[in-house]
Amino acid sequence: EHTPHRKEDVMHLLKSLHKIYAVYHDIFMVDRNGTIVAAAEREEYIGRDVSQKDWFLAAKEQENVVVSDLHYSKVIDDYVVSYTNRIVDEDGTFLGVITTRFNWENILAMIDETKIGKKGEVYLINKDGMVIGARECQGAQTILAGEVKENYGYAIEMNEQAQLTRILGYAKTKGYNSYKGQEWAVLALENIR
């Protein structure tokens, strides 16, 4: 039931969640028809139809949280990961979804703080081998594509012409509880002479 008082309560809840969990750009509530009915920050999107968005359609059908890969959000005007979960009543009837837009800058800040030896680098790569997190991404995609084949491991590579040895260690992410993860991997790389 949509009443002004109930809408105020939902808006207050989303704003409180957003304040507590400061890692999100925004949190939206969407009704069963795919219309945004509440927003923690971007209230101008209330009333927008998102019924054909992949995250909405997937959340309607899945009991677990739907997690997107890193993508550019026009609504947020930044790179985000979306977390979306269905809302059901006590009988299991679909009522809508709650969806967040994770601020990717939080991951980049962690990568910036990570130290690997004197000159080492850390990369976060998605299941397609694309770099989605690094201090500097220029050229990294071709260097890292296809490197991570197993769940974890390492390699030592020598380039005699450049008189360079490279140590590479990696591990695929496991997910958490019922969340199976995105098949991303963390790769640490250091050039030594």
N, C-alpha and C. Protein backbone atom coordinates (compact mmCIF):
# COMPACT_ATOMS: atom_id res chain seq x y z
N GLU A 1 0.85 -1.18 0.00
CA GLU A 1 0.00 0.00 0.00
C GLU A 1 0.89 1.24 0.00
N HIS A 2 0.67 2.13 -0.94
CA HIS A 2 1.45 3.36 -1.05
C HIS A 2 0.71 4.49 -0.36
N THR A 3 1.19 4.88 0.80
CA THR A 3 0.63 6.04 1.50
C THR A 3 1.76 7.02 1.72
N PRO A 4 1.47 8.31 1.84
CA PRO A 4 2.54 9.29 2.08
C PRO A 4 3.35 8.97 3.34
N HIS A 5 2.67 8.50 4.40
CA HIS A 5 3.38 8.18 5.65
C HIS A 5 4.32 7.00 5.45
N ARG A 6 3.85 5.97 4.74
CA ARG A 6 4.69 4.79 4.49
C ARG A 6 5.89 5.16 3.62
N LYS A 7 5.66 6.01 2.61
CA LYS A 7 6.76 6.44 1.74
C LYS A 7 7.80 7.19 2.56
N GLU A 8 7.37 8.04 3.47
CA GLU A 8 8.31 8.75 4.35
C GLU A 8 9.13 7.77 5.17
N ASP A 9 8.48 6.72 5.69
CA ASP A 9 9.19 5.70 6.48
C ASP A 9 10.25 5.00 5.65
N VAL A 10 9.89 4.65 4.41
CA VAL A 10 10.84 3.96 3.53
C VAL A 10 12.00 4.88 3.19
N MET A 11 11.70 6.12 2.86
CA MET A 11 12.77 7.09 2.55
C MET A 11 13.70 7.25 3.75
N HIS A 12 13.13 7.35 4.95
CA HIS A 12 13.93 7.49 6.17
C HIS A 12 14.82 6.25 6.36
N LEU A 13 14.26 5.07 6.13
CA LEU A 13 15.04 3.83 6.25
C LEU A 13 16.20 3.83 5.27
N LEU A 14 15.94 4.15 4.00
CA LEU A 14 17.02 4.15 3.00
C LEU A 14 18.09 5.19 3.32
N LYS A 15 17.68 6.36 3.77
CA LYS A 15 18.65 7.39 4.14
C LYS A 15 19.49 6.94 5.34
N SER A 16 18.87 6.26 6.30
CA SER A 16 19.61 5.74 7.46
C SER A 16 20.60 4.67 7.04
N LEU A 17 20.16 3.75 6.19
CA LEU A 17 21.06 2.71 5.69
C LEU A 17 22.23 3.32 4.93
N HIS A 18 21.93 4.30 4.11
CA HIS A 18 22.97 4.97 3.33
C HIS A 18 23.99 5.65 4.23
N LYS A 19 23.52 6.24 5.30
CA LYS A 19 24.42 6.91 6.24
C LYS A 19 25.28 5.90 7.00
N ILE A 20 24.69 4.77 7.39
CA ILE A 20 25.42 3.73 8.12
C ILE A 20 26.42 3.03 7.21
N TYR A 21 25.96 2.65 6.01
CA TYR A 21 26.80 1.95 5.05
C TYR A 21 27.29 2.95 4.02
N ALA A 22 28.28 3.69 4.36
CA ALA A 22 28.75 4.82 3.54
C ALA A 22 29.48 4.39 2.28
N VAL A 23 29.53 3.09 2.00
CA VAL A 23 30.22 2.61 0.80
C VAL A 23 29.35 2.68 -0.44
N TYR A 24 28.09 3.05 -0.29
CA TYR A 24 27.17 3.09 -1.43
C TYR A 24 26.96 4.50 -1.93
N HIS A 25 26.93 4.65 -3.25
CA HIS A 25 26.53 5.92 -3.85
C HIS A 25 25.07 6.19 -3.55
N ASP A 26 24.25 5.12 -3.65
CA ASP A 26 22.81 5.29 -3.43
C ASP A 26 22.17 3.94 -3.16
N ILE A 27 20.97 4.00 -2.59
CA ILE A 27 20.14 2.82 -2.35
C ILE A 27 18.74 3.17 -2.85
N PHE A 28 18.17 2.26 -3.66
CA PHE A 28 16.84 2.49 -4.22
C PHE A 28 15.90 1.36 -3.83
N MET A 29 14.62 1.68 -3.68
CA MET A 29 13.59 0.67 -3.54
C MET A 29 12.71 0.77 -4.78
N VAL A 30 12.42 -0.41 -5.36
CA VAL A 30 11.67 -0.51 -6.60
C VAL A 30 10.46 -1.40 -6.36
N ASP A 31 9.29 -0.99 -6.84
CA ASP A 31 8.08 -1.80 -6.62
C ASP A 31 8.02 -2.98 -7.59
N ARG A 32 6.99 -3.82 -7.46
CA ARG A 32 6.86 -5.04 -8.27
C ARG A 32 6.73 -4.75 -9.76
N ASN A 33 6.30 -3.55 -10.11
CA ASN A 33 6.16 -3.18 -11.51
C ASN A 33 7.45 -2.62 -12.12
N GLY A 34 8.47 -2.44 -11.28
CA GLY A 34 9.74 -1.92 -11.78
C GLY A 34 9.85 -0.41 -11.74
N THR A 35 9.08 0.22 -10.86
CA THR A 35 9.13 1.67 -10.72
C THR A 35 9.89 2.02 -9.45
N ILE A 36 10.86 2.92 -9.55
CA ILE A 36 11.59 3.36 -8.35
C ILE A 36 10.61 4.15 -7.48
N VAL A 37 10.46 3.70 -6.22
CA VAL A 37 9.51 4.34 -5.31
C VAL A 37 10.21 5.08 -4.17
N ALA A 38 11.50 4.83 -3.98
CA ALA A 38 12.24 5.52 -2.92
C ALA A 38 13.72 5.51 -3.25
N ALA A 39 14.42 6.54 -2.77
CA ALA A 39 15.86 6.66 -2.99
C ALA A 39 16.50 7.31 -1.78
N ALA A 40 17.69 6.86 -1.43
CA ALA A 40 18.40 7.46 -0.30
C ALA A 40 18.93 8.84 -0.66
N GLU A 41 19.40 9.01 -1.89
CA GLU A 41 20.03 10.26 -2.30
C GLU A 41 19.36 10.92 -3.51
N ARG A 42 19.22 10.18 -4.57
CA ARG A 42 18.77 10.74 -5.85
C ARG A 42 17.25 10.63 -6.00
N GLU A 43 16.56 11.46 -5.27
CA GLU A 43 15.10 11.42 -5.26
C GLU A 43 14.50 11.79 -6.62
N GLU A 44 15.26 12.46 -7.46
CA GLU A 44 14.75 12.80 -8.79
C GLU A 44 14.47 11.56 -9.65
N TYR A 45 14.99 10.39 -9.24
CA TYR A 45 14.75 9.16 -10.00
C TYR A 45 13.49 8.43 -9.54
N ILE A 46 12.83 8.90 -8.50
CA ILE A 46 11.58 8.29 -8.07
C ILE A 46 10.57 8.43 -9.20
N GLY A 47 9.92 7.32 -9.52
CA GLY A 47 8.97 7.29 -10.63
C GLY A 47 9.55 6.72 -11.91
N ARG A 48 10.87 6.57 -11.98
CA ARG A 48 11.51 6.04 -13.19
C ARG A 48 11.22 4.54 -13.33
N ASP A 49 10.97 4.12 -14.56
CA ASP A 49 10.70 2.72 -14.87
C ASP A 49 12.03 2.00 -15.12
N VAL A 50 12.32 0.99 -14.30
CA VAL A 50 13.53 0.19 -14.47
C VAL A 50 13.18 -1.29 -14.67
N SER A 51 11.94 -1.53 -15.09
CA SER A 51 11.42 -2.90 -15.20
C SER A 51 12.17 -3.77 -16.20
N GLN A 52 12.89 -3.17 -17.14
CA GLN A 52 13.61 -3.96 -18.14
C GLN A 52 15.11 -4.06 -17.85
N LYS A 53 15.54 -3.51 -16.74
CA LYS A 53 16.96 -3.60 -16.37
C LYS A 53 17.29 -5.03 -15.96
N ASP A 54 18.48 -5.49 -16.36
CA ASP A 54 18.91 -6.87 -16.06
C ASP A 54 18.84 -7.17 -14.57
N TRP A 55 19.30 -6.23 -13.74
CA TRP A 55 19.34 -6.48 -12.29
C TRP A 55 17.95 -6.64 -11.71
N PHE A 56 16.97 -5.92 -12.23
CA PHE A 56 15.59 -6.04 -11.73
C PHE A 56 15.00 -7.38 -12.16
N LEU A 57 15.15 -7.72 -13.43
CA LEU A 57 14.61 -8.97 -13.95
C LEU A 57 15.23 -10.18 -13.25
N ALA A 58 16.55 -10.14 -13.01
CA ALA A 58 17.22 -11.25 -12.34
C ALA A 58 16.76 -11.37 -10.88
N ALA A 59 16.63 -10.25 -10.19
CA ALA A 59 16.23 -10.28 -8.78
C ALA A 59 14.80 -10.79 -8.61
N LYS A 60 13.94 -10.55 -9.59
CA LYS A 60 12.56 -11.05 -9.52
C LYS A 60 12.55 -12.57 -9.44
N GLU A 61 13.52 -13.20 -10.09
CA GLU A 61 13.52 -14.66 -10.22
C GLU A 61 14.42 -15.38 -9.21
N GLN A 62 15.37 -14.68 -8.61
CA GLN A 62 16.35 -15.34 -7.74
C GLN A 62 16.10 -15.04 -6.28
N GLU A 63 16.36 -16.04 -5.44
CA GLU A 63 16.22 -15.83 -4.00
C GLU A 63 17.47 -15.18 -3.42
N ASN A 64 18.61 -15.38 -4.06
CA ASN A 64 19.86 -14.80 -3.56
C ASN A 64 20.08 -13.41 -4.13
N VAL A 65 20.99 -12.69 -3.52
CA VAL A 65 21.36 -11.36 -3.99
C VAL A 65 21.94 -11.45 -5.40
N VAL A 66 21.53 -10.53 -6.24
CA VAL A 66 22.06 -10.44 -7.60
C VAL A 66 23.16 -9.39 -7.59
N VAL A 67 24.35 -9.78 -8.02
CA VAL A 67 25.51 -8.88 -8.02
C VAL A 67 25.97 -8.69 -9.46
N SER A 68 26.10 -7.44 -9.85
CA SER A 68 26.57 -7.15 -11.21
C SER A 68 28.09 -7.16 -11.25
N ASP A 69 28.63 -7.19 -12.43
CA ASP A 69 30.05 -6.94 -12.61
C ASP A 69 30.22 -5.42 -12.55
N LEU A 70 31.44 -4.96 -12.48
CA LEU A 70 31.70 -3.53 -12.49
C LEU A 70 31.17 -2.95 -13.80
N HIS A 71 30.42 -1.85 -13.70
CA HIS A 71 29.87 -1.20 -14.89
C HIS A 71 29.69 0.29 -14.63
N TYR A 72 29.59 1.03 -15.72
CA TYR A 72 29.36 2.47 -15.61
C TYR A 72 27.87 2.71 -15.47
N SER A 73 27.48 3.46 -14.45
CA SER A 73 26.08 3.79 -14.20
C SER A 73 25.83 5.23 -14.62
N LYS A 74 24.90 5.43 -15.56
CA LYS A 74 24.54 6.78 -15.97
C LYS A 74 23.84 7.52 -14.83
N VAL A 75 23.06 6.80 -14.05
CA VAL A 75 22.35 7.41 -12.91
C VAL A 75 23.34 7.97 -11.90
N ILE A 76 24.37 7.20 -11.60
CA ILE A 76 25.36 7.60 -10.60
C ILE A 76 26.46 8.46 -11.23
N ASP A 77 26.70 8.29 -12.53
CA ASP A 77 27.77 8.96 -13.26
C ASP A 77 29.14 8.53 -12.72
N ASP A 78 29.26 7.21 -12.53
CA ASP A 78 30.51 6.65 -12.02
C ASP A 78 30.45 5.14 -12.22
N TYR A 79 31.59 4.48 -11.97
CA TYR A 79 31.64 3.03 -12.02
C TYR A 79 31.12 2.47 -10.70
N VAL A 80 30.30 1.43 -10.81
CA VAL A 80 29.65 0.84 -9.63
C VAL A 80 29.55 -0.67 -9.80
N VAL A 81 29.28 -1.32 -8.67
CA VAL A 81 28.80 -2.70 -8.65
C VAL A 81 27.43 -2.62 -8.00
N SER A 82 26.45 -3.25 -8.63
CA SER A 82 25.08 -3.22 -8.12
C SER A 82 24.78 -4.48 -7.32
N TYR A 83 24.18 -4.32 -6.16
CA TYR A 83 23.70 -5.42 -5.34
C TYR A 83 22.19 -5.26 -5.25
N THR A 84 21.45 -6.28 -5.67
CA THR A 84 19.99 -6.20 -5.72
C THR A 84 19.39 -7.45 -5.10
N ASN A 85 18.39 -7.24 -4.23
CA ASN A 85 17.72 -8.37 -3.60
C ASN A 85 16.22 -8.17 -3.67
N ARG A 86 15.52 -9.25 -3.86
CA ARG A 86 14.06 -9.18 -3.96
C ARG A 86 13.44 -8.98 -2.59
N ILE A 87 12.29 -8.36 -2.59
CA ILE A 87 11.49 -8.16 -1.38
C ILE A 87 10.22 -8.98 -1.57
N VAL A 88 9.91 -9.83 -0.60
CA VAL A 88 8.70 -10.65 -0.67
C VAL A 88 7.92 -10.51 0.63
N ASP A 89 6.62 -10.80 0.56
CA ASP A 89 5.82 -10.79 1.80
C ASP A 89 5.94 -12.15 2.48
N GLU A 90 5.21 -12.33 3.58
CA GLU A 90 5.31 -13.58 4.34
C GLU A 90 4.85 -14.80 3.56
N ASP A 91 4.09 -14.61 2.49
CA ASP A 91 3.64 -15.73 1.64
C ASP A 91 4.59 -15.98 0.47
N GLY A 92 5.62 -15.16 0.35
CA GLY A 92 6.58 -15.31 -0.74
C GLY A 92 6.20 -14.56 -2.00
N THR A 93 5.17 -13.72 -1.93
CA THR A 93 4.75 -12.93 -3.09
C THR A 93 5.75 -11.81 -3.33
N PHE A 94 6.18 -11.68 -4.57
CA PHE A 94 7.16 -10.66 -4.95
C PHE A 94 6.55 -9.27 -4.80
N LEU A 95 7.23 -8.40 -4.04
CA LEU A 95 6.77 -7.03 -3.83
C LEU A 95 7.63 -5.99 -4.52
N GLY A 96 8.88 -6.34 -4.79
CA GLY A 96 9.80 -5.40 -5.42
C GLY A 96 11.23 -5.78 -5.08
N VAL A 97 12.14 -4.81 -5.20
CA VAL A 97 13.55 -5.05 -4.89
C VAL A 97 14.13 -3.86 -4.14
N ILE A 98 15.21 -4.13 -3.44
CA ILE A 98 16.06 -3.08 -2.91
C ILE A 98 17.39 -3.25 -3.64
N THR A 99 17.95 -2.15 -4.10
CA THR A 99 19.17 -2.22 -4.90
C THR A 99 20.13 -1.10 -4.50
N THR A 100 21.39 -1.45 -4.44
CA THR A 100 22.42 -0.48 -4.05
C THR A 100 23.39 -0.29 -5.20
N ARG A 101 24.13 0.82 -5.14
CA ARG A 101 25.20 1.09 -6.10
C ARG A 101 26.47 1.33 -5.30
N PHE A 102 27.31 0.29 -5.27
CA PHE A 102 28.55 0.33 -4.50
C PHE A 102 29.53 1.29 -5.14
N ASN A 103 30.13 2.15 -4.33
CA ASN A 103 31.09 3.14 -4.79
C ASN A 103 32.45 2.45 -5.01
N TRP A 104 32.84 2.28 -6.26
CA TRP A 104 34.06 1.56 -6.62
C TRP A 104 35.33 2.25 -6.09
N GLU A 105 35.24 3.53 -5.79
CA GLU A 105 36.40 4.24 -5.24
C GLU A 105 36.89 3.59 -3.94
N ASN A 106 36.02 2.91 -3.21
CA ASN A 106 36.43 2.21 -1.99
C ASN A 106 37.42 1.09 -2.29
N ILE A 107 37.19 0.36 -3.37
CA ILE A 107 38.10 -0.71 -3.78
C ILE A 107 39.42 -0.12 -4.27
N LEU A 108 39.33 0.93 -5.07
CA LEU A 108 40.55 1.56 -5.59
C LEU A 108 41.40 2.12 -4.45
N ALA A 109 40.77 2.65 -3.41
CA ALA A 109 41.51 3.16 -2.25
C ALA A 109 42.25 2.03 -1.55
N MET A 110 41.62 0.86 -1.42
CA MET A 110 42.29 -0.30 -0.80
C MET A 110 43.48 -0.74 -1.64
N ILE A 111 43.31 -0.76 -2.95
CA ILE A 111 44.40 -1.16 -3.84
C ILE A 111 45.56 -0.16 -3.71
N ASP A 112 45.24 1.12 -3.66
CA ASP A 112 46.29 2.15 -3.50
C ASP A 112 47.09 1.96 -2.22
N GLU A 113 46.46 1.46 -1.18
CA GLU A 113 47.13 1.27 0.12
C GLU A 113 47.91 -0.03 0.21
N THR A 114 47.71 -0.94 -0.74
CA THR A 114 48.36 -2.25 -0.70
C THR A 114 49.81 -2.13 -1.17
N LYS A 115 50.71 -2.68 -0.38
CA LYS A 115 52.14 -2.64 -0.71
C LYS A 115 52.63 -4.05 -1.02
N ILE A 116 53.29 -4.19 -2.18
CA ILE A 116 53.90 -5.45 -2.59
C ILE A 116 55.37 -5.14 -2.85
N GLY A 117 56.21 -5.48 -1.91
CA GLY A 117 57.63 -5.20 -2.08
C GLY A 117 57.87 -3.71 -2.28
N LYS A 118 58.96 -3.38 -3.00
CA LYS A 118 59.29 -1.98 -3.24
C LYS A 118 58.56 -1.40 -4.44
N LYS A 119 58.36 -2.22 -5.47
CA LYS A 119 57.78 -1.72 -6.71
C LYS A 119 56.62 -2.58 -7.21
N GLY A 120 56.05 -3.39 -6.35
CA GLY A 120 55.00 -4.31 -6.77
C GLY A 120 53.67 -3.63 -7.02
N GLU A 121 52.84 -4.32 -7.77
CA GLU A 121 51.51 -3.81 -8.11
C GLU A 121 50.47 -4.87 -7.78
N VAL A 122 49.26 -4.41 -7.50
CA VAL A 122 48.13 -5.29 -7.26
C VAL A 122 47.05 -4.95 -8.28
N TYR A 123 46.46 -5.99 -8.85
CA TYR A 123 45.39 -5.82 -9.84
C TYR A 123 44.19 -6.66 -9.41
N LEU A 124 43.02 -6.13 -9.63
CA LEU A 124 41.79 -6.89 -9.48
C LEU A 124 41.26 -7.10 -10.89
N ILE A 125 41.05 -8.36 -11.26
CA ILE A 125 40.60 -8.65 -12.62
C ILE A 125 39.29 -9.43 -12.58
N ASN A 126 38.43 -9.18 -13.56
CA ASN A 126 37.16 -9.90 -13.59
C ASN A 126 37.33 -11.25 -14.28
N LYS A 127 36.24 -12.01 -14.40
CA LYS A 127 36.32 -13.37 -14.96
C LYS A 127 36.75 -13.38 -16.41
N ASP A 128 36.65 -12.25 -17.10
CA ASP A 128 37.07 -12.17 -18.50
C ASP A 128 38.52 -11.73 -18.65
N GLY A 129 39.24 -11.55 -17.54
CA GLY A 129 40.63 -11.13 -17.58
C GLY A 129 40.81 -9.64 -17.70
N MET A 130 39.75 -8.88 -17.56
CA MET A 130 39.80 -7.42 -17.68
C MET A 130 40.19 -6.80 -16.34
N VAL A 131 41.10 -5.86 -16.35
CA VAL A 131 41.49 -5.18 -15.12
C VAL A 131 40.35 -4.26 -14.70
N ILE A 132 39.85 -4.46 -13.47
CA ILE A 132 38.78 -3.60 -12.95
C ILE A 132 39.25 -2.80 -11.74
N GLY A 133 40.47 -3.05 -11.32
CA GLY A 133 41.03 -2.27 -10.23
C GLY A 133 42.54 -2.34 -10.24
N ALA A 134 43.19 -1.18 -10.25
CA ALA A 134 44.64 -1.09 -10.24
C ALA A 134 45.02 0.37 -9.99
N ARG A 135 46.27 0.57 -9.58
CA ARG A 135 46.74 1.96 -9.42
C ARG A 135 46.74 2.66 -10.77
N GLU A 136 47.28 1.98 -11.76
CA GLU A 136 47.36 2.54 -13.11
C GLU A 136 46.93 1.44 -14.08
N CYS A 137 45.89 1.66 -14.83
CA CYS A 137 45.36 0.62 -15.72
C CYS A 137 45.93 0.65 -17.13
N GLN A 138 46.64 1.69 -17.54
CA GLN A 138 47.11 1.76 -18.92
C GLN A 138 47.99 0.56 -19.25
N GLY A 139 47.58 -0.20 -20.25
CA GLY A 139 48.37 -1.33 -20.72
C GLY A 139 48.22 -2.59 -19.91
N ALA A 140 47.61 -2.51 -18.76
CA ALA A 140 47.54 -3.67 -17.88
C ALA A 140 46.65 -4.78 -18.44
N GLN A 141 45.62 -4.42 -19.20
CA GLN A 141 44.70 -5.43 -19.71
C GLN A 141 45.43 -6.50 -20.53
N THR A 142 46.32 -6.08 -21.42
CA THR A 142 47.01 -7.05 -22.26
C THR A 142 48.05 -7.83 -21.46
N ILE A 143 48.64 -7.22 -20.47
CA ILE A 143 49.64 -7.92 -19.65
C ILE A 143 48.99 -9.04 -18.85
N LEU A 144 47.78 -8.81 -18.35
CA LEU A 144 47.17 -9.74 -17.40
C LEU A 144 46.16 -10.69 -18.01
N ALA A 145 45.67 -10.42 -19.19
CA ALA A 145 44.64 -11.27 -19.78
C ALA A 145 45.14 -12.71 -19.87
N GLY A 146 44.35 -13.64 -19.36
CA GLY A 146 44.68 -15.05 -19.44
C GLY A 146 45.68 -15.55 -18.42
N GLU A 147 46.20 -14.70 -17.54
CA GLU A 147 47.20 -15.13 -16.56
C GLU A 147 46.60 -16.06 -15.49
N VAL A 148 45.36 -15.81 -15.08
CA VAL A 148 44.78 -16.54 -13.96
C VAL A 148 43.93 -17.69 -14.50
N LYS A 149 44.47 -18.91 -14.39
CA LYS A 149 43.76 -20.08 -14.91
C LYS A 149 43.27 -20.98 -13.77
N GLU A 150 44.00 -21.06 -12.70
CA GLU A 150 43.65 -21.90 -11.56
C GLU A 150 43.05 -21.04 -10.45
N ASN A 151 42.67 -21.66 -9.33
CA ASN A 151 42.11 -20.90 -8.21
C ASN A 151 43.16 -20.04 -7.52
N TYR A 152 44.39 -20.51 -7.49
CA TYR A 152 45.50 -19.73 -6.93
C TYR A 152 46.80 -20.30 -7.46
N GLY A 153 47.84 -19.50 -7.37
CA GLY A 153 49.12 -19.97 -7.84
C GLY A 153 50.11 -18.83 -8.00
N TYR A 154 51.24 -19.16 -8.60
CA TYR A 154 52.26 -18.16 -8.84
C TYR A 154 53.06 -18.56 -10.08
N ALA A 155 53.81 -17.62 -10.59
CA ALA A 155 54.69 -17.88 -11.72
C ALA A 155 55.89 -16.96 -11.61
N ILE A 156 57.01 -17.42 -12.12
CA ILE A 156 58.21 -16.59 -12.22
C ILE A 156 58.55 -16.55 -13.70
N GLU A 157 58.62 -15.36 -14.24
CA GLU A 157 58.90 -15.19 -15.66
C GLU A 157 60.20 -14.42 -15.83
N MET A 158 61.00 -14.84 -16.79
CA MET A 158 62.26 -14.15 -17.06
C MET A 158 62.26 -13.61 -18.48
N ASN A 159 62.66 -12.36 -18.61
CA ASN A 159 62.82 -11.74 -19.92
C ASN A 159 64.30 -11.41 -20.03
N GLU A 160 65.04 -12.29 -20.70
CA GLU A 160 66.50 -12.13 -20.77
C GLU A 160 66.90 -10.87 -21.52
N GLN A 161 66.15 -10.53 -22.55
CA GLN A 161 66.49 -9.35 -23.35
C GLN A 161 66.41 -8.09 -22.49
N ALA A 162 65.39 -7.99 -21.65
CA ALA A 162 65.24 -6.81 -20.78
C ALA A 162 65.96 -7.00 -19.45
N GLN A 163 66.56 -8.17 -19.25
CA GLN A 163 67.21 -8.52 -17.99
C GLN A 163 66.28 -8.26 -16.81
N LEU A 164 65.10 -8.85 -16.94
CA LEU A 164 64.05 -8.61 -15.96
C LEU A 164 63.42 -9.93 -15.55
N THR A 165 63.18 -10.08 -14.27
CA THR A 165 62.43 -11.22 -13.75
C THR A 165 61.17 -10.69 -13.10
N ARG A 166 60.07 -11.36 -13.39
CA ARG A 166 58.77 -10.94 -12.86
C ARG A 166 58.19 -12.07 -12.03
N ILE A 167 57.77 -11.74 -10.81
CA ILE A 167 57.10 -12.70 -9.93
C ILE A 167 55.63 -12.32 -9.91
N LEU A 168 54.79 -13.33 -10.11
CA LEU A 168 53.35 -13.12 -10.22
C LEU A 168 52.65 -14.11 -9.29
N GLY A 169 51.80 -13.60 -8.39
CA GLY A 169 50.99 -14.46 -7.53
C GLY A 169 49.54 -14.07 -7.69
N TYR A 170 48.65 -15.05 -7.62
CA TYR A 170 47.24 -14.73 -7.82
C TYR A 170 46.34 -15.69 -7.03
N ALA A 171 45.13 -15.22 -6.79
CA ALA A 171 44.11 -16.05 -6.15
C ALA A 171 42.74 -15.56 -6.61
N LYS A 172 41.88 -16.51 -6.93
CA LYS A 172 40.51 -16.16 -7.29
C LYS A 172 39.72 -15.90 -6.02
N THR A 173 38.77 -14.98 -6.10
CA THR A 173 37.92 -14.69 -4.95
C THR A 173 36.92 -15.82 -4.77
N LYS A 174 36.53 -16.06 -3.51
CA LYS A 174 35.66 -17.19 -3.19
C LYS A 174 34.20 -16.82 -2.98
N GLY A 175 33.90 -15.57 -2.78
CA GLY A 175 32.54 -15.20 -2.40
C GLY A 175 32.41 -15.24 -0.89
N TYR A 176 31.18 -15.23 -0.42
CA TYR A 176 30.95 -15.18 1.02
C TYR A 176 29.58 -15.77 1.33
N ASN A 177 29.53 -16.69 2.28
CA ASN A 177 28.28 -17.37 2.64
C ASN A 177 27.59 -17.91 1.40
N SER A 178 26.34 -17.54 1.14
CA SER A 178 25.61 -18.07 -0.02
C SER A 178 25.99 -17.36 -1.32
N TYR A 179 26.71 -16.24 -1.22
CA TYR A 179 27.15 -15.50 -2.40
C TYR A 179 28.37 -16.21 -3.00
N LYS A 180 28.24 -16.67 -4.23
CA LYS A 180 29.29 -17.46 -4.87
C LYS A 180 30.43 -16.63 -5.42
N GLY A 181 30.28 -15.34 -5.44
CA GLY A 181 31.35 -14.50 -5.96
C GLY A 181 31.18 -14.25 -7.45
N GLN A 182 32.07 -13.44 -7.98
CA GLN A 182 32.01 -13.03 -9.38
C GLN A 182 33.09 -13.66 -10.23
N GLU A 183 33.84 -14.61 -9.65
CA GLU A 183 34.97 -15.23 -10.34
C GLU A 183 36.06 -14.21 -10.66
N TRP A 184 36.18 -13.21 -9.79
CA TRP A 184 37.25 -12.24 -9.92
C TRP A 184 38.52 -12.84 -9.33
N ALA A 185 39.65 -12.20 -9.59
CA ALA A 185 40.92 -12.65 -9.03
C ALA A 185 41.75 -11.43 -8.63
N VAL A 186 42.56 -11.63 -7.61
CA VAL A 186 43.54 -10.63 -7.20
C VAL A 186 44.89 -11.13 -7.68
N LEU A 187 45.63 -10.25 -8.32
CA LEU A 187 46.91 -10.61 -8.88
C LEU A 187 47.96 -9.63 -8.34
N ALA A 188 49.03 -10.18 -7.77
CA ALA A 188 50.14 -9.36 -7.27
C ALA A 188 51.34 -9.61 -8.20
N LEU A 189 51.99 -8.52 -8.57
CA LEU A 189 53.06 -8.60 -9.56
C LEU A 189 54.22 -7.73 -9.10
N GLU A 190 55.43 -8.30 -9.15
CA GLU A 190 56.60 -7.48 -8.84
C GLU A 190 57.72 -7.82 -9.82
N ASN A 191 58.31 -6.80 -10.36
CA ASN A 191 59.48 -6.94 -11.23
C ASN A 191 60.72 -6.86 -10.36
N ILE A 192 61.61 -7.83 -10.53
CA ILE A 192 62.88 -7.82 -9.79
C ILE A 192 64.01 -8.00 -10.80
N ARG A 193 65.18 -7.59 -10.42
CA ARG A 193 66.34 -7.73 -11.33
C ARG A 193 67.31 -8.73 -10.76
